[in-house]
N, C-alpha and C. Protein backbone atom coordinates (compact mmCIF):
# COMPACT_ATOMS: atom_id res chain seq x y z
N UNK A 1 -18.74 -29.92 -56.23
CA UNK A 1 -19.66 -30.46 -55.76
C UNK A 1 -20.87 -29.34 -56.39
N UNK A 2 -21.46 -28.84 -55.85
CA UNK A 2 -21.84 -27.73 -56.34
C UNK A 2 -21.43 -26.40 -56.65
N UNK A 3 -22.11 -25.90 -57.50
CA UNK A 3 -21.68 -24.18 -57.76
C UNK A 3 -22.33 -23.64 -56.63
N UNK A 4 -21.77 -22.92 -55.48
CA UNK A 4 -22.97 -22.08 -54.48
C UNK A 4 -23.16 -20.65 -55.52
N UNK A 5 -22.77 -20.41 -56.63
CA UNK A 5 -23.20 -18.80 -57.05
C UNK A 5 -24.49 -19.46 -57.57
N UNK A 6 -24.86 -20.47 -58.00
CA UNK A 6 -26.00 -21.08 -58.80
C UNK A 6 -27.30 -21.60 -58.15
N UNK A 7 -27.15 -21.55 -56.48
CA UNK A 7 -27.90 -22.29 -55.76
C UNK A 7 -29.36 -20.45 -55.59
N UNK A 8 -30.21 -21.01 -55.36
CA UNK A 8 -30.92 -19.52 -55.23
C UNK A 8 -31.23 -19.73 -53.83
N UNK A 9 -31.02 -20.69 -52.99
CA UNK A 9 -30.61 -19.73 -51.47
C UNK A 9 -29.33 -18.88 -51.28
N UNK A 10 -28.56 -19.28 -51.86
CA UNK A 10 -27.24 -18.14 -51.54
C UNK A 10 -27.60 -17.23 -52.45
N UNK A 11 -28.33 -17.05 -53.17
CA UNK A 11 -28.54 -15.39 -54.23
C UNK A 11 -29.51 -14.69 -53.20
N UNK A 12 -30.21 -15.30 -51.89
CA UNK A 12 -31.16 -14.65 -51.35
C UNK A 12 -30.53 -14.45 -50.18
N UNK A 13 -29.94 -15.42 -49.67
CA UNK A 13 -29.23 -14.72 -49.01
C UNK A 13 -27.82 -13.60 -48.31
N UNK A 14 -27.50 -13.41 -49.82
CA UNK A 14 -26.84 -12.40 -50.49
C UNK A 14 -27.43 -10.97 -50.45
N UNK A 15 -28.90 -11.17 -50.80
CA UNK A 15 -29.83 -9.68 -50.75
C UNK A 15 -29.65 -9.87 -49.55
N UNK A 16 -30.21 -10.98 -48.35
CA UNK A 16 -30.11 -10.39 -47.02
C UNK A 16 -29.34 -9.91 -46.70
N UNK A 17 -27.75 -10.17 -46.38
CA UNK A 17 -26.87 -9.50 -45.64
C UNK A 17 -26.87 -8.24 -46.50
N UNK A 18 -27.04 -7.54 -47.61
CA UNK A 18 -26.82 -6.38 -47.75
C UNK A 18 -28.20 -5.79 -47.30
N UNK A 19 -28.92 -6.48 -46.93
CA UNK A 19 -30.37 -5.51 -46.11
C UNK A 19 -29.96 -5.64 -44.79
N UNK A 20 -29.29 -6.10 -44.15
CA UNK A 20 -29.37 -6.24 -43.14
C UNK A 20 -27.80 -5.19 -42.57
N UNK A 21 -26.92 -5.43 -43.37
CA UNK A 21 -25.96 -3.67 -43.45
C UNK A 21 -26.68 -2.45 -43.95
N UNK A 22 -27.34 -2.61 -44.52
CA UNK A 22 -27.86 -1.07 -45.01
C UNK A 22 -28.93 -0.57 -43.48
N UNK A 23 -30.06 -1.81 -42.98
CA UNK A 23 -30.73 -1.27 -41.81
C UNK A 23 -29.39 -0.66 -40.64
N UNK A 24 -28.51 -1.82 -40.41
CA UNK A 24 -27.59 -1.70 -39.29
C UNK A 24 -27.21 -0.27 -39.25
N UNK A 25 -27.06 0.46 -40.44
CA UNK A 25 -26.12 1.41 -41.07
C UNK A 25 -26.50 2.78 -39.82
N UNK A 26 -28.26 2.70 -39.26
CA UNK A 26 -28.72 3.46 -38.81
C UNK A 26 -28.86 3.02 -36.92
N UNK A 27 -27.92 2.46 -36.29
CA UNK A 27 -28.11 1.38 -35.26
C UNK A 27 -27.19 3.13 -34.55
N UNK A 28 -27.83 3.15 -33.30
CA UNK A 28 -26.80 3.66 -32.40
C UNK A 28 -25.34 3.73 -32.35
N UNK A 29 -24.94 4.46 -32.43
CA UNK A 29 -23.03 4.59 -32.61
C UNK A 29 -22.48 3.34 -31.65
N UNK A 30 -23.40 3.58 -30.24
CA UNK A 30 -22.76 2.53 -29.37
C UNK A 30 -23.17 1.50 -29.36
N UNK A 31 -23.58 0.87 -30.28
CA UNK A 31 -24.10 -0.38 -30.62
C UNK A 31 -23.27 -1.12 -31.95
N UNK A 32 -22.50 -0.22 -32.37
CA UNK A 32 -21.32 -0.90 -33.54
C UNK A 32 -20.65 -1.86 -33.09
N UNK A 33 -19.79 -2.28 -31.87
CA UNK A 33 -19.13 -3.37 -31.27
C UNK A 33 -20.38 -3.89 -30.46
N UNK A 34 -21.88 -3.93 -30.63
CA UNK A 34 -22.70 -4.87 -30.00
C UNK A 34 -23.93 -5.62 -30.94
N UNK A 35 -24.97 -5.02 -31.19
CA UNK A 35 -25.75 -5.79 -31.72
C UNK A 35 -25.37 -5.52 -33.20
N UNK A 36 -25.07 -4.38 -33.65
CA UNK A 36 -24.51 -4.26 -34.74
C UNK A 36 -23.82 -5.53 -35.79
N UNK A 37 -22.32 -5.44 -34.97
CA UNK A 37 -21.72 -6.42 -35.25
C UNK A 37 -21.92 -7.99 -35.16
N UNK A 38 -22.99 -8.48 -34.04
CA UNK A 38 -23.69 -9.65 -33.97
C UNK A 38 -24.46 -9.82 -35.45
N UNK A 39 -25.12 -8.38 -35.81
CA UNK A 39 -25.97 -8.84 -36.64
C UNK A 39 -25.34 -9.21 -38.21
N UNK A 40 -24.35 -8.67 -38.15
CA UNK A 40 -23.67 -8.46 -39.68
C UNK A 40 -23.30 -9.88 -39.75
N UNK A 41 -22.52 -10.43 -38.41
CA UNK A 41 -21.66 -11.68 -38.55
C UNK A 41 -22.65 -12.93 -38.86
N UNK A 42 -23.88 -12.64 -38.20
CA UNK A 42 -24.84 -13.87 -38.43
C UNK A 42 -25.39 -13.63 -39.64
N UNK A 43 -25.94 -12.85 -40.28
CA UNK A 43 -26.22 -12.59 -41.37
C UNK A 43 -24.95 -12.68 -43.09
N UNK A 44 -23.60 -12.77 -42.34
CA UNK A 44 -22.74 -13.20 -43.52
C UNK A 44 -22.48 -14.49 -43.60
N UNK A 45 -22.81 -15.19 -41.95
CA UNK A 45 -22.05 -16.47 -41.33
C UNK A 45 -23.43 -17.40 -42.55
N UNK A 46 -24.35 -16.70 -43.06
CA UNK A 46 -25.67 -17.91 -43.60
C UNK A 46 -24.99 -18.09 -45.47
N UNK A 47 -24.39 -17.11 -46.04
CA UNK A 47 -24.53 -17.52 -47.48
C UNK A 47 -22.75 -17.98 -47.54
N UNK A 48 -21.60 -17.93 -46.63
CA UNK A 48 -20.65 -18.19 -46.36
C UNK A 48 -20.94 -19.56 -45.59
N UNK A 49 -21.88 -19.80 -44.88
CA UNK A 49 -21.66 -21.50 -44.74
C UNK A 49 -22.54 -22.59 -46.00
N UNK A 50 -23.32 -21.69 -46.76
CA UNK A 50 -23.40 -22.21 -47.96
C UNK A 50 -22.45 -22.72 -48.77
N UNK A 51 -21.57 -21.66 -48.89
CA UNK A 51 -21.01 -21.77 -49.81
C UNK A 51 -19.02 -22.81 -49.50
N UNK A 52 -18.93 -22.75 -48.43
CA UNK A 52 -18.41 -23.96 -47.60
C UNK A 52 -18.81 -24.99 -48.11
N UNK A 53 -20.13 -25.57 -47.17
CA UNK A 53 -20.63 -26.89 -47.64
C UNK A 53 -20.32 -27.29 -49.13
N UNK A 54 -20.54 -26.04 -49.86
CA UNK A 54 -20.66 -26.36 -51.65
C UNK A 54 -19.48 -26.54 -51.52
N UNK A 55 -18.24 -27.11 -51.23
CA UNK A 55 -16.68 -27.32 -51.49
C UNK A 55 -16.71 -28.58 -50.37
N UNK A 56 -17.74 -29.40 -50.39
CA UNK A 56 -17.39 -30.42 -49.33
C UNK A 56 -17.73 -31.65 -50.44
N UNK A 57 -16.97 -32.71 -49.55
CA UNK A 57 -16.54 -34.16 -50.25
C UNK A 57 -18.28 -34.86 -50.38
N UNK A 58 -18.65 -34.69 -49.19
CA UNK A 58 -19.97 -35.55 -49.39
C UNK A 58 -21.46 -34.69 -49.17
N UNK A 59 -22.47 -35.56 -49.55
CA UNK A 59 -23.77 -34.46 -48.83
C UNK A 59 -23.94 -34.57 -47.35
N UNK A 60 -23.36 -35.43 -46.66
CA UNK A 60 -23.34 -35.66 -44.91
C UNK A 60 -22.86 -34.14 -44.57
N UNK A 61 -21.32 -33.59 -45.51
CA UNK A 61 -20.66 -32.77 -45.06
C UNK A 61 -21.30 -31.44 -45.36
N UNK A 62 -22.17 -31.29 -46.53
CA UNK A 62 -23.19 -30.34 -47.18
C UNK A 62 -24.20 -29.98 -46.48
N UNK A 63 -24.73 -30.63 -45.66
CA UNK A 63 -26.14 -30.68 -45.17
C UNK A 63 -25.55 -30.11 -43.67
N UNK A 64 -24.38 -30.65 -43.44
CA UNK A 64 -24.15 -29.72 -42.05
C UNK A 64 -23.30 -28.35 -42.33
N UNK A 65 -23.28 -27.48 -43.17
CA UNK A 65 -23.07 -26.69 -43.28
C UNK A 65 -24.68 -25.48 -43.31
N UNK A 66 -25.47 -26.73 -44.27
CA UNK A 66 -26.43 -25.79 -44.23
C UNK A 66 -27.36 -25.66 -43.07
N UNK A 67 -27.06 -26.84 -42.37
CA UNK A 67 -27.45 -27.05 -40.99
C UNK A 67 -26.99 -25.55 -40.07
N UNK A 68 -26.11 -25.19 -40.11
CA UNK A 68 -25.47 -24.23 -39.61
C UNK A 68 -25.64 -22.91 -40.31
N UNK A 69 -26.05 -22.70 -41.28
CA UNK A 69 -26.32 -21.85 -42.14
C UNK A 69 -27.99 -21.64 -41.88
N UNK A 70 -28.53 -22.52 -41.47
CA UNK A 70 -30.01 -22.37 -40.63
C UNK A 70 -30.08 -21.76 -39.06
N UNK A 71 -28.94 -22.11 -38.50
CA UNK A 71 -28.73 -21.39 -37.26
C UNK A 71 -28.60 -20.31 -37.58
N UNK A 72 -27.93 -19.72 -38.49
CA UNK A 72 -27.26 -18.24 -38.17
C UNK A 72 -28.48 -17.60 -38.85
N UNK A 73 -29.23 -18.26 -39.63
CA UNK A 73 -30.68 -17.15 -39.91
C UNK A 73 -31.97 -17.27 -38.23
N UNK A 74 -31.20 -18.36 -37.47
CA UNK A 74 -32.18 -18.41 -36.61
C UNK A 74 -31.62 -17.20 -35.62
N UNK A 75 -29.83 -16.92 -35.51
CA UNK A 75 -29.91 -15.74 -34.85
C UNK A 75 -30.11 -14.35 -35.33
N UNK A 76 -29.96 -14.35 -36.67
CA UNK A 76 -30.32 -13.09 -36.97
C UNK A 76 -31.89 -12.41 -36.94
N UNK A 77 -32.99 -13.29 -36.52
CA UNK A 77 -34.23 -13.42 -36.41
C UNK A 77 -34.44 -13.11 -34.95
N UNK A 78 -33.68 -13.17 -34.10
CA UNK A 78 -33.31 -13.56 -32.80
C UNK A 78 -32.98 -11.72 -32.54
N UNK A 79 -31.87 -11.54 -32.76
CA UNK A 79 -31.26 -10.23 -33.12
C UNK A 79 -31.88 -8.83 -33.85
N UNK A 80 -32.62 -9.53 -35.01
CA UNK A 80 -33.62 -8.62 -35.17
C UNK A 80 -34.87 -8.22 -34.26
N UNK A 81 -35.36 -9.10 -33.83
CA UNK A 81 -36.86 -9.18 -32.79
C UNK A 81 -36.00 -8.31 -31.79
N UNK A 82 -34.70 -8.59 -31.02
CA UNK A 82 -34.11 -7.60 -30.02
C UNK A 82 -33.78 -6.43 -30.69
N UNK A 83 -33.34 -5.76 -31.68
CA UNK A 83 -33.50 -4.65 -32.10
C UNK A 83 -34.66 -4.09 -32.24
N UNK A 84 -35.72 -4.39 -32.53
CA UNK A 84 -37.11 -3.69 -32.74
C UNK A 84 -37.31 -3.76 -31.24
N UNK A 85 -37.26 -4.18 -30.12
CA UNK A 85 -37.64 -4.37 -28.80
C UNK A 85 -36.93 -2.75 -28.21
N UNK A 86 -35.78 -3.02 -28.88
CA UNK A 86 -34.79 -1.63 -28.34
C UNK A 86 -35.18 -0.46 -29.05
N UNK A 87 -36.24 -0.55 -29.86
CA UNK A 87 -36.20 0.66 -30.77
C UNK A 87 -35.48 1.04 -31.74
N UNK A 88 -34.45 0.33 -32.05
CA UNK A 88 -33.40 0.61 -33.24
C UNK A 88 -33.83 0.38 -34.60
N UNK A 89 -34.92 -0.31 -34.88
CA UNK A 89 -35.39 -0.36 -36.13
C UNK A 89 -36.69 -0.57 -35.88
N UNK A 90 -37.82 -0.32 -36.71
CA UNK A 90 -39.09 0.07 -36.69
C UNK A 90 -39.57 -1.12 -37.00
N UNK A 91 -41.07 -1.79 -36.46
CA UNK A 91 -41.36 -3.06 -37.09
C UNK A 91 -41.52 -3.42 -38.73
N UNK A 92 -41.91 -2.24 -39.30
CA UNK A 92 -41.91 -2.78 -40.59
C UNK A 92 -40.13 -2.96 -41.24
N UNK A 93 -39.26 -2.99 -40.49
CA UNK A 93 -37.84 -2.89 -41.08
C UNK A 93 -37.54 -4.15 -40.99
N UNK A 94 -38.00 -4.40 -39.33
CA UNK A 94 -38.18 -5.83 -38.77
C UNK A 94 -38.27 -7.11 -39.56
N UNK A 95 -39.81 -6.59 -39.74
CA UNK A 95 -40.55 -7.55 -40.33
C UNK A 95 -40.09 -8.19 -41.68
N UNK A 96 -39.79 -6.76 -42.35
CA UNK A 96 -39.26 -6.93 -43.72
C UNK A 96 -38.00 -8.62 -43.93
N UNK A 97 -36.88 -7.97 -42.88
CA UNK A 97 -35.83 -8.77 -42.67
C UNK A 97 -36.24 -10.21 -42.29
N UNK A 98 -37.32 -10.50 -41.24
CA UNK A 98 -37.58 -11.71 -40.60
C UNK A 98 -38.30 -12.19 -41.55
N UNK A 99 -38.94 -12.03 -42.47
CA UNK A 99 -40.04 -12.90 -43.81
C UNK A 99 -38.76 -13.17 -44.48
N UNK A 100 -37.55 -12.17 -44.80
CA UNK A 100 -36.81 -12.54 -46.25
C UNK A 100 -36.01 -13.92 -45.32
N UNK A 101 -35.41 -14.30 -44.04
CA UNK A 101 -34.82 -15.06 -43.59
C UNK A 101 -35.73 -15.98 -43.33
N UNK A 102 -37.10 -16.04 -42.55
CA UNK A 102 -38.15 -17.18 -42.94
C UNK A 102 -37.85 -18.17 -44.20
N UNK A 103 -37.67 -17.44 -45.32
CA UNK A 103 -37.60 -17.38 -46.69
C UNK A 103 -36.90 -18.79 -46.91
N UNK A 104 -35.44 -18.29 -46.09
CA UNK A 104 -34.18 -18.64 -46.52
C UNK A 104 -33.87 -19.85 -46.03
N UNK A 105 -34.35 -19.71 -44.56
CA UNK A 105 -34.85 -21.13 -43.72
C UNK A 105 -35.61 -22.07 -44.60
N UNK A 106 -36.71 -22.04 -45.24
CA UNK A 106 -37.40 -23.27 -46.03
C UNK A 106 -36.63 -23.66 -46.99
N UNK A 107 -36.23 -22.57 -47.46
CA UNK A 107 -34.68 -23.28 -48.78
C UNK A 107 -33.93 -24.17 -48.23
N UNK A 108 -33.43 -23.61 -46.94
CA UNK A 108 -32.36 -24.09 -46.90
C UNK A 108 -33.27 -25.51 -46.50
N UNK A 109 -34.16 -25.54 -45.47
CA UNK A 109 -34.52 -26.97 -44.74
C UNK A 109 -34.90 -28.17 -46.19
N UNK A 110 -35.50 -27.33 -47.17
CA UNK A 110 -35.60 -28.00 -48.40
C UNK A 110 -34.88 -28.82 -48.83
N UNK A 111 -33.30 -27.97 -48.97
CA UNK A 111 -32.73 -28.32 -49.75
C UNK A 111 -31.84 -29.88 -48.73
N UNK A 112 -31.96 -29.63 -47.56
CA UNK A 112 -31.18 -30.23 -46.62
C UNK A 112 -32.25 -32.16 -46.59
N UNK A 113 -33.24 -31.96 -46.80
CA UNK A 113 -34.41 -32.69 -46.68
C UNK A 113 -33.89 -33.41 -48.17
N UNK A 114 -33.70 -32.78 -49.17
CA UNK A 114 -33.60 -33.36 -50.83
C UNK A 114 -32.45 -34.16 -50.57
N UNK A 115 -31.28 -33.91 -49.88
CA UNK A 115 -29.84 -34.47 -50.07
C UNK A 115 -30.31 -35.42 -48.88
N UNK A 116 -30.92 -35.71 -47.79
CA UNK A 116 -31.16 -37.10 -47.30
C UNK A 116 -31.56 -38.30 -48.06
N UNK A 117 -32.30 -37.90 -48.89
CA UNK A 117 -32.99 -38.55 -49.81
C UNK A 117 -31.83 -39.95 -50.53
């Protein structure tokens, strides 16, 4: 249906995953199975859902996976805010990730709206 590798939103979400992994390397060791794992899973879920949606037969099914990716973006934002509140990341690191994720959400919303037409 779609080649996910050609979608700008998928490419941008791969960059976001790399950034999340880089930032979470500096989290305290006791967070390896807590917030680090949550953040990494939520971030990986974004490009994964986009890719899986591209393999579906209908636009409706594709949109459902895009909506799941959108929801995972909201999880990443929430978890970054929590990480900042717990002083695991500084304001600059958190803001950089959140801005990146919000851009991905805008792209996802535009793609979802385009597919409704």
